[in-house]
PDB file of all heavy atoms in Angstrom:
ATOM      1  N   LYS A   1     247.590   6.376  51.518  1.00  0.00           N
ATOM      2  CA  LYS A   1     247.972   7.639  50.876  1.00  0.00           C
ATOM      3  C   LYS A   1     246.762   8.351  50.297  1.00  0.00           C
ATOM      4  O   LYS A   1     246.657   9.571  50.374  1.00  0.00           O
ATOM      5  CB  LYS A   1     248.990   7.379  49.770  1.00  0.00           C
ATOM      6  CG  LYS A   1     250.354   7.008  50.284  1.00  0.00           C
ATOM      7  CD  LYS A   1     251.327   6.817  49.145  1.00  0.00           C
ATOM      8  CE  LYS A   1     252.695   6.420  49.658  1.00  0.00           C
ATOM      9  NZ  LYS A   1     253.653   6.220  48.564  1.00  0.00           N
ATOM     10  N   THR A   2     245.822   7.584  49.731  1.00  0.00           N
ATOM     11  CA  THR A   2     244.637   8.226  49.149  1.00  0.00           C
ATOM     12  C   THR A   2     243.755   8.828  50.232  1.00  0.00           C
ATOM     13  O   THR A   2     243.200   9.908  50.049  1.00  0.00           O
ATOM     14  CB  THR A   2     243.817   7.217  48.325  1.00  0.00           C
ATOM     15  OG1 THR A   2     243.506   6.091  49.151  1.00  0.00           O
ATOM     16  CG2 THR A   2     244.576   6.752  47.112  1.00  0.00           C
ATOM     17  N   GLN A   3     243.662   8.157  51.390  1.00  0.00           N
ATOM     18  CA  GLN A   3     242.871   8.717  52.485  1.00  0.00           C
ATOM     19  C   GLN A   3     243.505  10.003  53.001  1.00  0.00           C
ATOM     20  O   GLN A   3     242.810  10.976  53.278  1.00  0.00           O
ATOM     21  CB  GLN A   3     242.753   7.712  53.623  1.00  0.00           C
ATOM     22  CG  GLN A   3     241.847   6.546  53.324  1.00  0.00           C
ATOM     23  CD  GLN A   3     241.863   5.514  54.423  1.00  0.00           C
ATOM     24  OE1 GLN A   3     242.865   5.339  55.108  1.00  0.00           O
ATOM     25  NE2 GLN A   3     240.757   4.820  54.595  1.00  0.00           N
ATOM     26  N   ARG A   4     244.834  10.008  53.115  1.00  0.00           N
ATOM     27  CA  ARG A   4     245.518  11.230  53.565  1.00  0.00           C
ATOM     28  C   ARG A   4     245.347  12.346  52.553  1.00  0.00           C
ATOM     29  O   ARG A   4     245.146  13.507  52.920  1.00  0.00           O
ATOM     30  CB  ARG A   4     246.992  10.942  53.818  1.00  0.00           C
ATOM     31  CG  ARG A   4     247.242  10.093  55.049  1.00  0.00           C
ATOM     32  CD  ARG A   4     248.703  10.068  55.409  1.00  0.00           C
ATOM     33  NE  ARG A   4     249.544   9.564  54.339  1.00  0.00           N
ATOM     34  CZ  ARG A   4     250.105   8.364  54.293  1.00  0.00           C
ATOM     35  NH1 ARG A   4     249.910   7.529  55.275  1.00  0.00           N
ATOM     36  NH2 ARG A   4     250.861   8.003  53.286  1.00  0.00           N
ATOM     37  N   ALA A   5     245.420  12.008  51.272  1.00  0.00           N
ATOM     38  CA  ALA A   5     245.258  13.027  50.224  1.00  0.00           C
ATOM     39  C   ALA A   5     243.842  13.592  50.231  1.00  0.00           C
ATOM     40  O   ALA A   5     243.644  14.802  50.106  1.00  0.00           O
ATOM     41  CB  ALA A   5     245.580  12.429  48.858  1.00  0.00           C
ATOM     42  N   LYS A   6     242.838  12.716  50.408  1.00  0.00           N
ATOM     43  CA  LYS A   6     241.451  13.191  50.471  1.00  0.00           C
ATOM     44  C   LYS A   6     241.243  14.098  51.674  1.00  0.00           C
ATOM     45  O   LYS A   6     240.584  15.131  51.576  1.00  0.00           O
ATOM     46  CB  LYS A   6     240.493  12.007  50.544  1.00  0.00           C
ATOM     47  CG  LYS A   6     240.334  11.268  49.248  1.00  0.00           C
ATOM     48  CD  LYS A   6     239.382  10.102  49.410  1.00  0.00           C
ATOM     49  CE  LYS A   6     239.239   9.300  48.137  1.00  0.00           C
ATOM     50  NZ  LYS A   6     238.352   8.148  48.315  1.00  0.00           N
ATOM     51  N   ALA A   7     241.797  13.709  52.816  1.00  0.00           N
ATOM     52  CA  ALA A   7     241.646  14.533  54.017  1.00  0.00           C
ATOM     53  C   ALA A   7     242.314  15.888  53.829  1.00  0.00           C
ATOM     54  O   ALA A   7     241.770  16.921  54.224  1.00  0.00           O
ATOM     55  CB  ALA A   7     242.230  13.805  55.224  1.00  0.00           C
ATOM     56  N   SER A   8     243.489  15.890  53.203  1.00  0.00           N
ATOM     57  CA  SER A   8     244.200  17.141  52.956  1.00  0.00           C
ATOM     58  C   SER A   8     243.414  18.036  52.001  1.00  0.00           C
ATOM     59  O   SER A   8     243.296  19.245  52.215  1.00  0.00           O
ATOM     60  CB  SER A   8     245.579  16.837  52.382  1.00  0.00           C
ATOM     61  OG  SER A   8     246.265  18.025  52.095  1.00  0.00           O
ATOM     62  N   ALA A   9     242.850  17.442  50.954  1.00  0.00           N
ATOM     63  CA  ALA A   9     242.057  18.223  49.999  1.00  0.00           C
ATOM     64  C   ALA A   9     240.807  18.779  50.665  1.00  0.00           C
ATOM     65  O   ALA A   9     240.414  19.931  50.411  1.00  0.00           O
ATOM     66  CB  ALA A   9     241.674  17.353  48.804  1.00  0.00           C
ATOM     67  N   ALA A  10     240.198  17.994  51.547  1.00  0.00           N
ATOM     68  CA  ALA A  10     239.000  18.468  52.245  1.00  0.00           C
ATOM     69  C   ALA A  10     239.341  19.636  53.160  1.00  0.00           C
ATOM     70  O   ALA A  10     238.598  20.617  53.240  1.00  0.00           O
ATOM     71  CB  ALA A  10     238.371  17.336  53.047  1.00  0.00           C
ATOM     72  N   ARG A  11     240.482  19.536  53.862  1.00  0.00           N
ATOM     73  CA  ARG A  11     240.906  20.654  54.730  1.00  0.00           C
ATOM     74  C   ARG A  11     241.157  21.908  53.907  1.00  0.00           C
ATOM     75  O   ARG A  11     240.769  23.017  54.290  1.00  0.00           O
ATOM     76  CB  ARG A  11     242.160  20.270  55.512  1.00  0.00           C
ATOM     77  CG  ARG A  11     241.910  19.373  56.684  1.00  0.00           C
ATOM     78  CD  ARG A  11     243.121  19.282  57.596  1.00  0.00           C
ATOM     79  NE  ARG A  11     244.296  18.780  56.908  1.00  0.00           N
ATOM     80  CZ  ARG A  11     244.623  17.497  56.779  1.00  0.00           C
ATOM     81  NH1 ARG A  11     243.834  16.583  57.299  1.00  0.00           N
ATOM     82  NH2 ARG A  11     245.711  17.126  56.155  1.00  0.00           N
ATOM     83  N   ALA A  12     241.810  21.758  52.749  1.00  0.00           N
ATOM     84  CA  ALA A  12     242.081  22.911  51.884  1.00  0.00           C
ATOM     85  C   ALA A  12     240.781  23.532  51.384  1.00  0.00           C
ATOM     86  O   ALA A  12     240.647  24.762  51.338  1.00  0.00           O
ATOM     87  CB  ALA A  12     242.962  22.491  50.708  1.00  0.00           C
ATOM     88  N   ALA A  13     239.822  22.691  51.028  1.00  0.00           N
ATOM     89  CA  ALA A  13     238.539  23.211  50.541  1.00  0.00           C
ATOM     90  C   ALA A  13     237.806  23.969  51.639  1.00  0.00           C
ATOM     91  O   ALA A  13     237.224  25.032  51.395  1.00  0.00           O
ATOM     92  CB  ALA A  13     237.678  22.063  50.016  1.00  0.00           C
ATOM     93  N   ARG A  14     237.835  23.414  52.869  1.00  0.00           N
ATOM     94  CA  ARG A  14     237.184  24.116  53.986  1.00  0.00           C
ATOM     95  C   ARG A  14     237.869  25.454  54.268  1.00  0.00           C
ATOM     96  O   ARG A  14     237.215  26.449  54.537  1.00  0.00           O
ATOM     97  CB  ARG A  14     237.201  23.239  55.240  1.00  0.00           C
ATOM     98  CG  ARG A  14     236.217  22.095  55.193  1.00  0.00           C
ATOM     99  CD  ARG A  14     236.041  21.445  56.552  1.00  0.00           C
ATOM    100  NE  ARG A  14     237.263  20.933  57.122  1.00  0.00           N
ATOM    101  CZ  ARG A  14     237.713  19.680  56.970  1.00  0.00           C
ATOM    102  NH1 ARG A  14     237.015  18.818  56.264  1.00  0.00           N
ATOM    103  NH2 ARG A  14     238.833  19.304  57.540  1.00  0.00           N
ATOM    104  N   LYS A  15     239.195  25.474  54.158  1.00  0.00           N
ATOM    105  CA  LYS A  15     239.935  26.712  54.396  1.00  0.00           C
ATOM    106  C   LYS A  15     239.572  27.764  53.336  1.00  0.00           C
ATOM    107  O   LYS A  15     239.338  28.930  53.668  1.00  0.00           O
ATOM    108  CB  LYS A  15     241.436  26.434  54.363  1.00  0.00           C
ATOM    109  CG  LYS A  15     242.286  27.626  54.708  1.00  0.00           C
ATOM    110  CD  LYS A  15     243.749  27.256  54.741  1.00  0.00           C
ATOM    111  CE  LYS A  15     244.617  28.458  55.073  1.00  0.00           C
ATOM    112  NZ  LYS A  15     246.042  28.106  55.080  1.00  0.00           N
ATOM    113  N   GLU A  16     239.491  27.340  52.073  1.00  0.00           N
ATOM    114  CA  GLU A  16     239.114  28.270  51.007  1.00  0.00           C
ATOM    115  C   GLU A  16     237.692  28.785  51.204  1.00  0.00           C
ATOM    116  O   GLU A  16     237.418  29.963  50.987  1.00  0.00           O
ATOM    117  CB  GLU A  16     239.232  27.592  49.646  1.00  0.00           C
ATOM    118  CG  GLU A  16     240.661  27.363  49.202  1.00  0.00           C
ATOM    119  CD  GLU A  16     240.746  26.641  47.873  1.00  0.00           C
ATOM    120  OE1 GLU A  16     239.725  26.575  47.154  1.00  0.00           O
ATOM    121  OE2 GLU A  16     241.834  26.152  47.543  1.00  0.00           O
ATOM    122  N   ALA A  17     236.798  27.911  51.645  1.00  0.00           N
ATOM    123  CA  ALA A  17     235.412  28.334  51.878  1.00  0.00           C
ATOM    124  C   ALA A  17     235.352  29.368  53.000  1.00  0.00           C
ATOM    125  O   ALA A  17     234.612  30.358  52.900  1.00  0.00           O
ATOM    126  CB  ALA A  17     234.546  27.130  52.220  1.00  0.00           C
ATOM    127  N   ARG A  18     236.122  29.136  54.069  1.00  0.00           N
ATOM    128  CA  ARG A  18     236.147  30.118  55.171  1.00  0.00           C
ATOM    129  C   ARG A  18     236.704  31.453  54.702  1.00  0.00           C
ATOM    130  O   ARG A  18     236.197  32.516  55.071  1.00  0.00           O
ATOM    131  CB  ARG A  18     236.983  29.581  56.331  1.00  0.00           C
ATOM    132  CG  ARG A  18     236.288  28.529  57.151  1.00  0.00           C
ATOM    133  CD  ARG A  18     237.002  28.259  58.444  1.00  0.00           C
ATOM    134  NE  ARG A  18     238.378  27.845  58.260  1.00  0.00           N
ATOM    135  CZ  ARG A  18     238.803  26.581  58.205  1.00  0.00           C
ATOM    136  NH1 ARG A  18     237.948  25.607  58.320  1.00  0.00           N
ATOM    137  NH2 ARG A  18     240.070  26.305  58.042  1.00  0.00           N
ATOM    138  N   GLN A  19     237.751  31.408  53.870  1.00  0.00           N
ATOM    139  CA  GLN A  19     238.323  32.649  53.360  1.00  0.00           C
ATOM    140  C   GLN A  19     237.328  33.377  52.452  1.00  0.00           C
ATOM    141  O   GLN A  19     237.219  34.602  52.499  1.00  0.00           O
ATOM    142  CB  GLN A  19     239.615  32.366  52.602  1.00  0.00           C
ATOM    143  CG  GLN A  19     240.767  31.952  53.505  1.00  0.00           C
ATOM    144  CD  GLN A  19     242.005  31.546  52.731  1.00  0.00           C
ATOM    145  OE1 GLN A  19     241.948  31.325  51.526  1.00  0.00           O
ATOM    146  NE2 GLN A  19     243.124  31.436  53.426  1.00  0.00           N
ATOM    147  N   ALA A  20     236.600  32.632  51.634  1.00  0.00           N
ATOM    148  CA  ALA A  20     235.602  33.249  50.753  1.00  0.00           C
ATOM    149  C   ALA A  20     234.480  33.877  51.574  1.00  0.00           C
ATOM    150  O   ALA A  20     234.017  34.984  51.262  1.00  0.00           O
ATOM    151  CB  ALA A  20     235.034  32.210  49.787  1.00  0.00           C
ATOM    152  N   GLU A  21     234.053  33.197  52.635  1.00  0.00           N
ATOM    153  CA  GLU A  21     233.020  33.757  53.512  1.00  0.00           C
ATOM    154  C   GLU A  21     233.511  35.033  54.186  1.00  0.00           C
ATOM    155  O   GLU A  21     232.780  36.015  54.292  1.00  0.00           O
ATOM    156  CB  GLU A  21     232.611  32.738  54.568  1.00  0.00           C
ATOM    157  CG  GLU A  21     231.779  31.606  54.033  1.00  0.00           C
ATOM    158  CD  GLU A  21     231.463  30.575  55.103  1.00  0.00           C
ATOM    159  OE1 GLU A  21     231.769  30.823  56.282  1.00  0.00           O
ATOM    160  OE2 GLU A  21     230.913  29.532  54.746  1.00  0.00           O
ATOM    161  N   ALA A  22     234.759  35.017  54.644  1.00  0.00           N
ATOM    162  CA  ALA A  22     235.315  36.199  55.290  1.00  0.00           C
ATOM    163  C   ALA A  22     235.397  37.363  54.302  1.00  0.00           C
ATOM    164  O   ALA A  22     235.095  38.511  54.653  1.00  0.00           O
ATOM    165  CB  ALA A  22     236.690  35.885  55.873  1.00  0.00           C
ATOM    166  N   ALA A  23     235.810  37.070  53.073  1.00  0.00           N
ATOM    167  CA  ALA A  23     235.894  38.119  52.057  1.00  0.00           C
ATOM    168  C   ALA A  23     234.507  38.675  51.733  1.00  0.00           C
ATOM    169  O   ALA A  23     234.338  39.889  51.586  1.00  0.00           O
ATOM    170  CB  ALA A  23     236.553  37.566  50.792  1.00  0.00           C
ATOM    171  N   ALA A  24     233.512  37.787  51.634  1.00  0.00           N
ATOM    172  CA  ALA A  24     232.152  38.241  51.354  1.00  0.00           C
ATOM    173  C   ALA A  24     231.623  39.099  52.501  1.00  0.00           C
ATOM    174  O   ALA A  24     230.960  40.118  52.279  1.00  0.00           O
ATOM    175  CB  ALA A  24     231.230  37.033  51.121  1.00  0.00           C
ATOM    176  N   GLU A  25     231.910  38.691  53.718  1.00  0.00           N
ATOM    177  CA  GLU A  25     231.477  39.467  54.893  1.00  0.00           C
ATOM    178  C   GLU A  25     232.148  40.840  54.913  1.00  0.00           C
ATOM    179  O   GLU A  25     231.510  41.857  55.186  1.00  0.00           O
ATOM    180  CB  GLU A  25     231.801  38.691  56.178  1.00  0.00           C
ATOM    181  CG  GLU A  25     231.270  39.331  57.426  1.00  0.00           C
ATOM    182  CD  GLU A  25     229.747  39.351  57.468  1.00  0.00           C
ATOM    183  OE1 GLU A  25     229.104  38.448  56.910  1.00  0.00           O
ATOM    184  OE2 GLU A  25     229.208  40.291  58.080  1.00  0.00           O
ATOM    185  N   ALA A  26     233.444  40.878  54.601  1.00  0.00           N
ATOM    186  CA  ALA A  26     234.150  42.161  54.564  1.00  0.00           C
ATOM    187  C   ALA A  26     233.574  43.058  53.467  1.00  0.00           C
ATOM    188  O   ALA A  26     233.429  44.271  53.660  1.00  0.00           O
ATOM    189  CB  ALA A  26     235.637  41.923  54.325  1.00  0.00           C
ATOM    190  N   LEU A  27     233.234  42.459  52.329  1.00  0.00           N
ATOM    191  CA  LEU A  27     232.645  43.231  51.239  1.00  0.00           C
ATOM    192  C   LEU A  27     231.290  43.798  51.635  1.00  0.00           C
ATOM    193  O   LEU A  27     230.993  44.964  51.374  1.00  0.00           O
ATOM    194  CB  LEU A  27     232.500  42.352  49.993  1.00  0.00           C
ATOM    195  CG  LEU A  27     231.935  43.026  48.749  1.00  0.00           C
ATOM    196  CD1 LEU A  27     232.843  44.155  48.289  1.00  0.00           C
ATOM    197  CD2 LEU A  27     231.753  42.014  47.636  1.00  0.00           C
ATOM    198  N   LYS A  28     230.485  42.974  52.322  1.00  0.00           N
ATOM    199  CA  LYS A  28     229.180  43.456  52.789  1.00  0.00           C
ATOM    200  C   LYS A  28     229.338  44.616  53.765  1.00  0.00           C
ATOM    201  O   LYS A  28     228.611  45.610  53.704  1.00  0.00           O
ATOM    202  CB  LYS A  28     228.401  42.325  53.462  1.00  0.00           C
ATOM    203  CG  LYS A  28     227.800  41.337  52.514  1.00  0.00           C
ATOM    204  CD  LYS A  28     227.028  40.277  53.272  1.00  0.00           C
ATOM    205  CE  LYS A  28     226.469  39.215  52.370  1.00  0.00           C
ATOM    206  NZ  LYS A  28     225.748  38.177  53.127  1.00  0.00           N
TER     207      LYS A  28
END
């Protein structure tokens, strides 16, 4: 369960980072 939770949190963090990059690119 902890491995699945870590993997899920890592996927969420990567998704947020991609969204932040997209927002920064749109702002630029």
